[in-house]
Amino acid sequence: MTADVFLFWFLAFMTIVSGLGVVLMANPIYSALSLAMTMISVAAIFVTLQAYFLAGVQIIVYAGAVMVLFVMVLMLFDLKHELQAFTRGRATGAIKIATVGILSGLVVGAVTIGLTIGGKNQAEVASATKAAGIVDTTRGLSEALFLKNVFGFEALGVLLLVIAVGTVALSRSKGGTHARD
């Protein structure tokens, strides 16, 4: 077993374990941390595949912005009273089992399609890409974001910062979910 193969399987194991942690953790903060670890593990897998742009987007967008928004939403809820909202009736149990069955079928179908398509060699894929006229657009995307639309990009960052500060202020104010007694 080469180092690349070992690294891939280690990262795949870490992704699966942290993904299970998202679902199985009772504490939502621990679940959010497991989600962040899952996203970081996926980004590391992208790095091993030499897809550095996707790894960067995975870290910045998902592990950064989405996790900040997720934690802000958690701060707005009163988590002590939320556990009473979950029931253990027969109808909800049946819905949960049906959902697991449907998702399992989708995963099996995706793996089957992936194995079927994965049989093509890289030369065929490269020639098909070249024939379709697909070009590398990473440079064009970065120029559009950081040169032409830099004001909108920075305004969005300021808006997200204002949202984060407002969420913390609301949750800590009198009557908020995290108010000091």
C-alpha atoms as a PDB file:
ATOM      1  CA  MET A   1       0.000   0.000   0.000  1.00  0.00           C
ATOM      2  CA  THR A   2       1.488   3.286  -1.085  1.00  0.00           C
ATOM      3  CA  ALA A   3       1.349   6.464   0.955  1.00  0.00           C
ATOM      4  CA  ASP A   4      -1.246   8.016  -1.378  1.00  0.00           C
ATOM      5  CA  VAL A   5      -3.596   5.076  -0.987  1.00  0.00           C
ATOM      6  CA  PHE A   6      -3.143   5.042   2.781  1.00  0.00           C
ATOM      7  CA  LEU A   7      -3.776   8.787   2.987  1.00  0.00           C
ATOM      8  CA  PHE A   8      -6.926   8.477   0.893  1.00  0.00           C
ATOM      9  CA  TRP A   9      -8.357   5.678   3.034  1.00  0.00           C
ATOM     10  CA  PHE A  10      -7.440   7.505   6.240  1.00  0.00           C
ATOM     11  CA  LEU A  11      -9.184  10.666   5.043  1.00  0.00           C
ATOM     12  CA  ALA A  12     -12.178   8.655   3.832  1.00  0.00           C
ATOM     13  CA  PHE A  13     -12.416   7.000   7.262  1.00  0.00           C
ATOM     14  CA  MET A  14     -12.187  10.396   8.988  1.00  0.00           C
ATOM     15  CA  THR A  15     -14.920  11.772   6.713  1.00  0.00           C
ATOM     16  CA  ILE A  16     -17.248   8.869   7.456  1.00  0.00           C
ATOM     17  CA  VAL A  17     -16.611   8.943  11.219  1.00  0.00           C
ATOM     18  CA  SER A  18     -17.130  12.696  11.472  1.00  0.00           C
ATOM     19  CA  GLY A  19     -20.210  12.435   9.236  1.00  0.00           C
ATOM     20  CA  LEU A  20     -21.660   9.845  11.583  1.00  0.00           C
ATOM     21  CA  GLY A  21     -20.811  12.181  14.459  1.00  0.00           C
ATOM     22  CA  VAL A  22     -23.011  14.851  12.858  1.00  0.00           C
ATOM     23  CA  VAL A  23     -25.981  12.524  12.941  1.00  0.00           C
ATOM     24  CA  LEU A  24     -25.336  10.693  16.210  1.00  0.00           C
ATOM     25  CA  MET A  25     -24.252  13.502  18.540  1.00  0.00           C
ATOM     26  CA  ALA A  26     -26.962  14.657  20.941  1.00  0.00           C
ATOM     27  CA  ASN A  27     -25.366  18.057  21.564  1.00  0.00           C
ATOM     28  CA  PRO A  28     -25.876  20.343  18.532  1.00  0.00           C
ATOM     29  CA  ILE A  29     -22.585  22.161  19.129  1.00  0.00           C
ATOM     30  CA  TYR A  30     -20.679  18.856  18.958  1.00  0.00           C
ATOM     31  CA  SER A  31     -22.700  18.012  15.864  1.00  0.00           C
ATOM     32  CA  ALA A  32     -21.635  21.324  14.288  1.00  0.00           C
ATOM     33  CA  LEU A  33     -17.997  20.592  15.118  1.00  0.00           C
ATOM     34  CA  SER A  34     -18.334  17.159  13.531  1.00  0.00           C
ATOM     35  CA  LEU A  35     -19.792  18.813  10.438  1.00  0.00           C
ATOM     36  CA  ALA A  36     -16.806  21.152  10.277  1.00  0.00           C
ATOM     37  CA  MET A  37     -14.452  18.152  10.554  1.00  0.00           C
ATOM     38  CA  THR A  38     -16.357  16.412   7.764  1.00  0.00           C
ATOM     39  CA  MET A  39     -15.957  19.432   5.499  1.00  0.00           C
ATOM     40  CA  ILE A  40     -12.254  19.739   6.302  1.00  0.00           C
ATOM     41  CA  SER A  41     -11.737  16.033   5.574  1.00  0.00           C
ATOM     42  CA  VAL A  42     -13.468  16.401   2.208  1.00  0.00           C
ATOM     43  CA  ALA A  43     -11.226  19.385   1.440  1.00  0.00           C
ATOM     44  CA  ALA A  44      -8.178  17.263   2.307  1.00  0.00           C
ATOM     45  CA  ILE A  45      -9.394  14.592  -0.108  1.00  0.00           C
ATOM     46  CA  PHE A  46      -9.643  17.287  -2.795  1.00  0.00           C
ATOM     47  CA  VAL A  47      -6.019  18.229  -2.045  1.00  0.00           C
ATOM     48  CA  THR A  48      -4.904  14.623  -2.503  1.00  0.00           C
ATOM     49  CA  LEU A  49      -6.664  14.665  -5.895  1.00  0.00           C
ATOM     50  CA  GLN A  50      -4.772  17.884  -6.755  1.00  0.00           C
ATOM     51  CA  ALA A  51      -8.037  19.849  -6.956  1.00  0.00           C
ATOM     52  CA  TYR A  52      -6.717  22.794  -4.975  1.00  0.00           C
ATOM     53  CA  PHE A  53      -9.400  25.242  -6.079  1.00  0.00           C
ATOM     54  CA  LEU A  54     -12.176  22.911  -4.917  1.00  0.00           C
ATOM     55  CA  ALA A  55     -10.355  22.359  -1.625  1.00  0.00           C
ATOM     56  CA  GLY A  56     -10.107  26.097  -1.079  1.00  0.00           C
ATOM     57  CA  VAL A  57     -13.765  26.637  -1.907  1.00  0.00           C
ATOM     58  CA  GLN A  58     -14.688  23.761   0.408  1.00  0.00           C
ATOM     59  CA  ILE A  59     -12.812  25.374   3.300  1.00  0.00           C
ATOM     60  CA  ILE A  60     -13.848  28.976   2.654  1.00  0.00           C
ATOM     61  CA  VAL A  61     -17.493  28.488   1.723  1.00  0.00           C
ATOM     62  CA  TYR A  62     -18.581  25.384   3.562  1.00  0.00           C
ATOM     63  CA  ALA A  63     -16.285  25.066   6.567  1.00  0.00           C
ATOM     64  CA  GLY A  64     -16.214  28.831   6.983  1.00  0.00           C
ATOM     65  CA  ALA A  65     -19.384  30.642   5.998  1.00  0.00           C
ATOM     66  CA  VAL A  66     -21.903  27.823   6.285  1.00  0.00           C
ATOM     67  CA  MET A  67     -20.604  26.745   9.686  1.00  0.00           C
ATOM     68  CA  VAL A  68     -20.729  30.325  10.991  1.00  0.00           C
ATOM     69  CA  LEU A  69     -24.346  30.622   9.862  1.00  0.00           C
ATOM     70  CA  PHE A  70     -25.168  27.213  11.362  1.00  0.00           C
ATOM     71  CA  VAL A  71     -23.720  28.156  14.751  1.00  0.00           C
ATOM     72  CA  MET A  72     -25.552  31.510  14.651  1.00  0.00           C
ATOM     73  CA  VAL A  73     -28.859  29.699  14.093  1.00  0.00           C
ATOM     74  CA  LEU A  74     -28.050  27.395  17.014  1.00  0.00           C
ATOM     75  CA  MET A  75     -27.514  30.442  19.193  1.00  0.00           C
ATOM     76  CA  LEU A  76     -30.988  31.747  18.379  1.00  0.00           C
ATOM     77  CA  PHE A  77     -32.797  28.591  19.512  1.00  0.00           C
ATOM     78  CA  ASP A  78     -33.473  27.656  23.115  1.00  0.00           C
ATOM     79  CA  LEU A  79     -31.943  24.190  22.950  1.00  0.00           C
ATOM     80  CA  LYS A  80     -33.190  23.138  26.384  1.00  0.00           C
ATOM     81  CA  HIS A  81     -36.795  23.143  25.187  1.00  0.00           C
ATOM     82  CA  GLU A  82     -36.175  21.832  21.676  1.00  0.00           C
ATOM     83  CA  LEU A  83     -35.809  18.191  22.769  1.00  0.00           C
ATOM     84  CA  GLN A  84     -39.503  18.100  23.670  1.00  0.00           C
ATOM     85  CA  ALA A  85     -40.408  18.775  20.036  1.00  0.00           C
ATOM     86  CA  PHE A  86     -39.122  15.374  18.882  1.00  0.00           C
ATOM     87  CA  THR A  87     -41.636  12.543  19.254  1.00  0.00           C
ATOM     88  CA  ARG A  88     -41.092   8.822  19.252  1.00  0.00           C
ATOM     89  CA  GLY A  89     -44.371   7.769  17.695  1.00  0.00           C
ATOM     90  CA  ARG A  90     -44.951   5.117  15.048  1.00  0.00           C
ATOM     91  CA  ALA A  91     -45.534   7.606  12.251  1.00  0.00           C
ATOM     92  CA  THR A  92     -42.244   9.426  12.787  1.00  0.00           C
ATOM     93  CA  GLY A  93     -40.409   6.107  13.107  1.00  0.00           C
ATOM     94  CA  ALA A  94     -41.869   4.955   9.777  1.00  0.00           C
ATOM     95  CA  ILE A  95     -40.881   8.245   8.137  1.00  0.00           C
ATOM     96  CA  LYS A  96     -37.332   7.896   9.459  1.00  0.00           C
ATOM     97  CA  ILE A  97     -37.035   4.296   8.191  1.00  0.00           C
ATOM     98  CA  ALA A  98     -38.436   5.268   4.767  1.00  0.00           C
ATOM     99  CA  THR A  99     -35.994   8.173   4.540  1.00  0.00           C
ATOM    100  CA  VAL A 100     -33.047   5.913   5.338  1.00  0.00           C
ATOM    101  CA  GLY A 101     -34.233   3.444   2.687  1.00  0.00           C
ATOM    102  CA  ILE A 102     -34.566   6.127   0.025  1.00  0.00           C
ATOM    103  CA  LEU A 103     -31.165   7.630   0.828  1.00  0.00           C
ATOM    104  CA  SER A 104     -29.550   4.174   0.789  1.00  0.00           C
ATOM    105  CA  GLY A 105     -31.046   3.538  -2.646  1.00  0.00           C
ATOM    106  CA  LEU A 106     -29.707   6.851  -3.912  1.00  0.00           C
ATOM    107  CA  VAL A 107     -26.213   6.059  -2.588  1.00  0.00           C
ATOM    108  CA  VAL A 108     -26.222   2.603  -4.204  1.00  0.00           C
ATOM    109  CA  GLY A 109     -27.404   4.113  -7.502  1.00  0.00           C
ATOM    110  CA  ALA A 110     -24.719   6.808  -7.395  1.00  0.00           C
ATOM    111  CA  VAL A 111     -21.977   4.247  -6.687  1.00  0.00           C
ATOM    112  CA  THR A 112     -23.227   2.023  -9.520  1.00  0.00           C
ATOM    113  CA  ILE A 113     -23.251   4.910 -11.992  1.00  0.00           C
ATOM    114  CA  GLY A 114     -19.837   6.048 -10.771  1.00  0.00           C
ATOM    115  CA  LEU A 115     -18.353   2.590 -11.323  1.00  0.00           C
ATOM    116  CA  THR A 116     -19.886   2.412 -14.794  1.00  0.00           C
ATOM    117  CA  ILE A 117     -18.585   5.830 -15.841  1.00  0.00           C
ATOM    118  CA  GLY A 118     -15.264   5.325 -14.036  1.00  0.00           C
ATOM    119  CA  GLY A 119     -14.349   2.602 -16.532  1.00  0.00           C
ATOM    120  CA  LYS A 120     -13.442   5.184 -19.163  1.00  0.00           C
ATOM    121  CA  ASN A 121      -9.783   6.020 -19.387  1.00  0.00           C
ATOM    122  CA  GLN A 122      -8.502   9.514 -18.952  1.00  0.00           C
ATOM    123  CA  ALA A 123      -7.579   9.963 -22.603  1.00  0.00           C
ATOM    124  CA  GLU A 124     -11.210   9.468 -23.668  1.00  0.00           C
ATOM    125  CA  VAL A 125     -12.399  11.951 -21.068  1.00  0.00           C
ATOM    126  CA  ALA A 126      -9.778  14.527 -22.108  1.00  0.00           C
ATOM    127  CA  SER A 127     -10.647  14.182 -25.806  1.00  0.00           C
ATOM    128  CA  ALA A 128     -14.375  14.477 -25.066  1.00  0.00           C
ATOM    129  CA  THR A 129     -13.755  17.592 -22.953  1.00  0.00           C
ATOM    130  CA  LYS A 130     -11.636  19.146 -25.705  1.00  0.00           C
ATOM    131  CA  ALA A 131     -14.239  18.304 -28.361  1.00  0.00           C
ATOM    132  CA  ALA A 132     -17.014  19.892 -26.276  1.00  0.00           C
ATOM    133  CA  GLY A 133     -15.037  23.132 -26.063  1.00  0.00           C
ATOM    134  CA  ILE A 134     -14.887  23.203 -22.265  1.00  0.00           C
ATOM    135  CA  VAL A 135     -12.135  25.500 -21.032  1.00  0.00           C
ATOM    136  CA  ASP A 136     -10.632  26.225 -17.650  1.00  0.00           C
ATOM    137  CA  THR A 137     -12.788  28.946 -16.110  1.00  0.00           C
ATOM    138  CA  THR A 138     -11.115  29.290 -12.720  1.00  0.00           C
ATOM    139  CA  ARG A 139      -9.090  32.265 -13.884  1.00  0.00           C
ATOM    140  CA  GLY A 140     -12.145  33.949 -15.388  1.00  0.00           C
ATOM    141  CA  LEU A 141     -14.121  33.376 -12.198  1.00  0.00           C
ATOM    142  CA  SER A 142     -11.382  34.820 -10.009  1.00  0.00           C
ATOM    143  CA  GLU A 143     -10.990  37.867 -12.252  1.00  0.00           C
ATOM    144  CA  ALA A 144     -14.742  38.460 -12.164  1.00  0.00           C
ATOM    145  CA  LEU A 145     -14.866  38.159  -8.368  1.00  0.00           C
ATOM    146  CA  PHE A 146     -11.751  40.043  -7.366  1.00  0.00           C
ATOM    147  CA  LEU A 147     -11.395  42.646 -10.132  1.00  0.00           C
ATOM    148  CA  LYS A 148     -14.771  43.451 -11.637  1.00  0.00           C
ATOM    149  CA  ASN A 149     -17.144  42.741  -8.732  1.00  0.00           C
ATOM    150  CA  VAL A 150     -14.935  43.424  -5.724  1.00  0.00           C
ATOM    151  CA  PHE A 151     -17.444  45.845  -4.160  1.00  0.00           C
ATOM    152  CA  GLY A 152     -20.218  43.245  -4.076  1.00  0.00           C
ATOM    153  CA  PHE A 153     -17.809  40.632  -2.747  1.00  0.00           C
ATOM    154  CA  GLU A 154     -16.685  42.900   0.110  1.00  0.00           C
ATOM    155  CA  ALA A 155     -20.229  44.127   0.807  1.00  0.00           C
ATOM    156  CA  LEU A 156     -21.330  40.530   1.258  1.00  0.00           C
ATOM    157  CA  GLY A 157     -18.508  40.000   3.762  1.00  0.00           C
ATOM    158  CA  VAL A 158     -19.559  43.076   5.754  1.00  0.00           C
ATOM    159  CA  LEU A 159     -23.191  41.942   5.643  1.00  0.00           C
ATOM    160  CA  LEU A 160     -22.267  38.521   7.045  1.00  0.00           C
ATOM    161  CA  LEU A 161     -20.266  40.208   9.807  1.00  0.00           C
ATOM    162  CA  VAL A 162     -23.234  42.431  10.725  1.00  0.00           C
ATOM    163  CA  ILE A 163     -25.489  39.360  10.799  1.00  0.00           C
ATOM    164  CA  ALA A 164     -23.085  37.539  13.120  1.00  0.00           C
ATOM    165  CA  VAL A 165     -22.816  40.482  15.522  1.00  0.00           C
ATOM    166  CA  GLY A 166     -26.597  40.986  15.476  1.00  0.00           C
ATOM    167  CA  THR A 167     -27.234  37.319  16.227  1.00  0.00           C
ATOM    168  CA  VAL A 168     -24.914  37.359  19.207  1.00  0.00           C
ATOM    169  CA  ALA A 169     -26.460  40.604  20.477  1.00  0.00           C
ATOM    170  CA  LEU A 170     -30.013  39.270  20.139  1.00  0.00           C
ATOM    171  CA  SER A 171     -29.259  35.967  21.793  1.00  0.00           C
ATOM    172  CA  ARG A 172     -27.513  37.625  24.748  1.00  0.00           C
ATOM    173  CA  SER A 173     -30.078  40.420  25.289  1.00  0.00           C
ATOM    174  CA  LYS A 174     -32.725  40.209  27.998  1.00  0.00           C
ATOM    175  CA  GLY A 175     -35.203  37.523  27.057  1.00  0.00           C
ATOM    176  CA  GLY A 176     -32.809  35.952  24.529  1.00  0.00           C
ATOM    177  CA  THR A 177     -31.870  32.299  24.546  1.00  0.00           C
ATOM    178  CA  HIS A 178     -28.404  32.927  26.015  1.00  0.00           C
ATOM    179  CA  ALA A 179     -29.202  35.866  28.270  1.00  0.00           C
ATOM    180  CA  ARG A 180     -27.170  36.211  31.425  1.00  0.00           C
ATOM    181  CA  ASP A 181     -29.277  35.872  34.559  1.00  0.00           C
END
